[in-house]
Protein backbone atom coordinates (compact mmCIF):
# COMPACT_ATOMS: atom_id res chain seq x y z
CA MET A 1 -17.01 -14.65 66.00
CA ILE A 2 -16.14 -15.79 62.46
CA GLN A 3 -15.34 -12.16 61.66
CA PHE A 4 -13.16 -11.90 64.77
CA LEU A 5 -11.45 -15.03 64.06
CA ASN A 6 -10.68 -13.94 60.50
CA LYS A 7 -9.17 -10.55 61.55
CA ARG A 8 -7.13 -12.40 63.83
CA ILE A 9 -5.67 -14.69 61.16
CA LYS A 10 -5.06 -11.80 58.71
CA LEU A 11 -3.20 -9.82 61.21
CA GLY A 12 -1.31 -12.54 62.98
CA VAL A 13 0.93 -12.36 65.93
CA LEU A 14 1.09 -8.63 67.59
CA THR A 15 2.69 -9.18 70.58
CA GLN A 16 6.05 -10.68 69.47
CA ASN A 17 8.96 -8.23 68.45
CA PRO A 18 11.52 -10.18 66.68
CA GLU A 19 13.79 -7.40 66.30
CA PHE A 20 13.98 -7.01 70.44
CA ASP A 21 14.08 -11.15 70.85
CA THR A 22 17.53 -11.24 69.17
CA GLU A 23 18.58 -7.91 70.79
CA ILE A 24 17.48 -9.15 74.11
CA LYS A 25 19.73 -12.38 73.64
CA THR A 26 22.95 -10.33 73.37
CA ILE A 27 21.50 -8.09 76.23
CA GLU A 28 20.89 -10.88 78.36
CA LYS A 29 24.35 -12.79 77.48
CA GLU A 30 25.86 -9.59 78.42
CA ILE A 31 24.23 -8.94 81.71
CA LYS A 32 24.69 -12.62 82.93
CA GLU A 33 28.56 -12.29 82.13
CA LYS A 34 28.78 -9.15 84.20
CA VAL A 35 26.91 -10.37 87.01
CA ASN A 36 29.07 -13.48 87.10
CA LYS A 37 32.15 -11.05 87.03
CA LYS A 38 31.22 -8.34 89.15
CA PHE A 39 28.48 -10.19 91.95
CA ALA A 40 30.00 -13.64 91.91
CA GLY A 41 26.62 -14.69 90.07
CA SER A 42 24.13 -12.97 92.36
CA LEU A 43 22.93 -9.12 91.67
CA ALA A 44 20.64 -8.35 94.49
CA ILE A 45 17.98 -5.17 94.00
CA ARG A 46 16.31 -3.72 96.77
CA MET A 47 13.18 -1.69 95.39
CA VAL A 48 12.33 1.39 97.22
CA ASP A 49 8.85 3.44 96.44
CA SER A 50 9.76 6.95 97.92
CA GLY A 51 6.35 8.24 97.07
CA SER A 52 5.11 6.95 93.36
CA CYS A 53 2.06 6.32 91.18
CA ASN A 54 3.29 2.39 91.17
CA ALA A 55 3.80 2.62 87.53
CA CYS A 56 7.36 2.09 87.65
CA GLU A 57 6.83 -0.85 90.09
CA ALA A 58 4.29 -2.39 87.84
CA GLU A 59 6.85 -2.50 85.02
CA CYS A 60 9.55 -4.12 87.72
CA ASN A 61 6.98 -6.82 88.07
CA ALA A 62 6.99 -7.53 84.33
CA LEU A 63 10.73 -8.37 84.78
CA SER A 64 9.88 -11.40 86.91
CA ASN A 65 7.38 -13.18 84.45
CA PRO A 66 8.87 -15.78 82.09
CA TYR A 67 9.80 -13.51 79.19
CA TYR A 68 12.02 -11.35 80.77
CA ASN A 69 12.85 -13.66 83.53
CA LEU A 70 16.07 -11.59 85.16
CA GLU A 71 16.14 -14.34 87.92
CA ARG A 72 17.94 -16.81 85.27
CA LEU A 73 20.69 -13.96 84.69
CA GLY A 74 21.36 -13.96 88.45
CA ILE A 75 19.52 -10.71 89.58
CA TYR A 76 17.07 -11.00 92.09
CA PHE A 77 14.54 -8.34 93.83
CA VAL A 78 15.10 -8.59 97.56
CA ALA A 79 13.30 -7.64 100.44
CA SER A 80 15.82 -6.61 102.97
CA PRO A 81 18.17 -3.66 102.05
CA ARG A 82 20.79 -5.79 104.37
CA HIS A 83 20.75 -8.50 101.47
CA ALA A 84 21.39 -5.98 98.74
CA ASP A 85 23.76 -4.51 96.46
CA VAL A 86 21.71 -2.08 94.71
CA MET A 87 19.01 0.07 95.64
CA LEU A 88 16.41 0.67 93.14
CA LEU A 89 14.76 3.86 93.71
CA SER A 90 11.27 5.21 92.09
CA GLY A 91 9.00 7.65 92.81
CA VAL A 92 9.16 11.28 94.00
CA MET A 93 11.34 12.04 97.04
CA THR A 94 8.34 12.79 99.24
CA PHE A 95 9.23 14.56 102.87
CA ASN A 96 7.71 11.85 104.58
CA MET A 97 9.44 9.17 102.84
CA THR A 98 12.87 10.82 102.81
CA PRO A 99 14.18 9.63 106.28
CA HIS A 100 13.20 6.13 105.39
CA VAL A 101 14.45 6.14 102.03
CA LYS A 102 17.66 7.54 103.68
CA GLU A 103 17.65 4.41 106.29
CA ALA A 104 17.24 1.82 103.63
CA TYR A 105 20.14 2.84 102.00
CA GLU A 106 22.28 3.25 105.01
CA GLN A 107 21.46 -0.58 105.63
CA ILE A 108 22.84 -1.64 102.39
CA PRO A 109 26.46 -3.03 102.90
CA ALA A 110 28.98 -1.70 101.54
CA PRO A 111 30.10 -1.19 98.12
CA LYS A 112 26.46 0.05 97.47
CA TRP A 113 24.84 1.60 94.39
CA VAL A 114 21.75 3.83 93.91
CA ILE A 115 19.90 3.60 90.70
CA THR A 116 16.96 6.22 90.00
CA LEU A 117 14.23 4.95 88.14
CA GLY A 118 11.67 6.99 86.11
CA ASP A 119 11.53 10.92 85.94
CA CYS A 120 10.04 11.15 89.62
CA PRO A 121 13.19 10.59 91.35
CA VAL A 122 14.71 13.36 89.16
CA MET A 123 12.02 15.58 88.98
CA GLU A 124 11.41 15.28 84.98
CA ALA A 125 7.97 14.27 86.10
CA VAL A 126 4.63 16.64 86.02
CA PHE A 127 5.02 17.30 89.60
CA GLU A 128 6.08 20.48 91.05
CA LYS A 129 8.39 21.35 93.96
CA THR A 130 6.08 22.24 96.96
CA TYR A 131 6.04 21.48 100.60
CA ALA A 132 5.37 17.62 100.23
CA ILE A 133 8.22 17.06 97.81
CA ASN A 134 11.57 16.81 99.11
CA ALA A 135 13.35 16.15 95.59
CA PRO A 136 15.48 15.44 93.68
CA ALA A 137 16.76 12.52 94.93
CA ASN A 138 20.10 13.38 94.12
CA GLU A 139 20.18 16.03 97.05
CA HIS A 140 19.99 13.04 99.52
CA LEU A 141 21.72 9.88 97.90
CA ASN A 142 24.86 9.29 95.78
CA ILE A 143 22.74 8.47 92.40
CA THR A 144 24.94 6.01 90.38
CA HIS A 145 22.96 5.68 87.23
CA HIS A 146 19.56 6.61 86.38
CA ILE A 147 16.68 4.97 83.87
CA PRO A 148 14.54 7.49 82.01
CA GLY A 149 10.91 7.06 81.35
CA CYS A 150 7.58 7.23 82.53
CA PRO A 151 7.41 4.35 83.35
CA PRO A 152 10.12 2.89 81.53
CA GLU A 153 9.32 -0.32 79.85
CA PRO A 154 10.83 -3.59 80.83
CA ARG A 155 12.99 -3.55 78.01
CA ASP A 156 14.21 -0.07 79.03
CA ILE A 157 14.97 -1.05 82.45
CA ILE A 158 17.03 -4.10 81.38
CA LYS A 159 19.21 -1.66 79.03
CA GLY A 160 19.38 0.38 82.00
CA LEU A 161 20.67 -1.90 84.18
CA LEU A 162 23.12 -3.04 81.66
CA GLU A 163 24.62 0.51 81.52
CA PHE A 164 24.57 0.47 85.11
CA LEU A 165 26.94 -2.70 85.21
CA ARG A 166 29.08 -1.04 82.26
CA LYS A 167 29.28 1.96 84.36
CA ILE A 168 30.74 0.15 87.78
């Protein structure tokens, strides 16, 4: 136990990233300003999984923890597409999920946008086009923005959301 504590004291805190901490403050400030200006302070996102391994969803769950805390920036994940402004689409577009994804998209009130998350919706993942895969997603939906990665880290998702807000 003493050896472990000595090693821990020598190494210090490894989970903090001071460079990103300063960068995230400027990103958060700009996101909050853009959400206030373009969405009256509240951007509602409906996350739709069109057939994924759930890694992207796990990274999105981290956005709700106290470190990232997207809700204080005015960005919320909602359960119903009828309450959403944006669809966040993850996973390979499977044959079985295609009609459900389209239905969810149709239920989002206009104006509406689609952000693809991860490499799967744009077919940059390890999957090949087979009878069960109906991808890429841009064949079925009008994609506004793409956040790359397999899976993208929470910081990449936040940066991607900022790029989306700048784009619209």
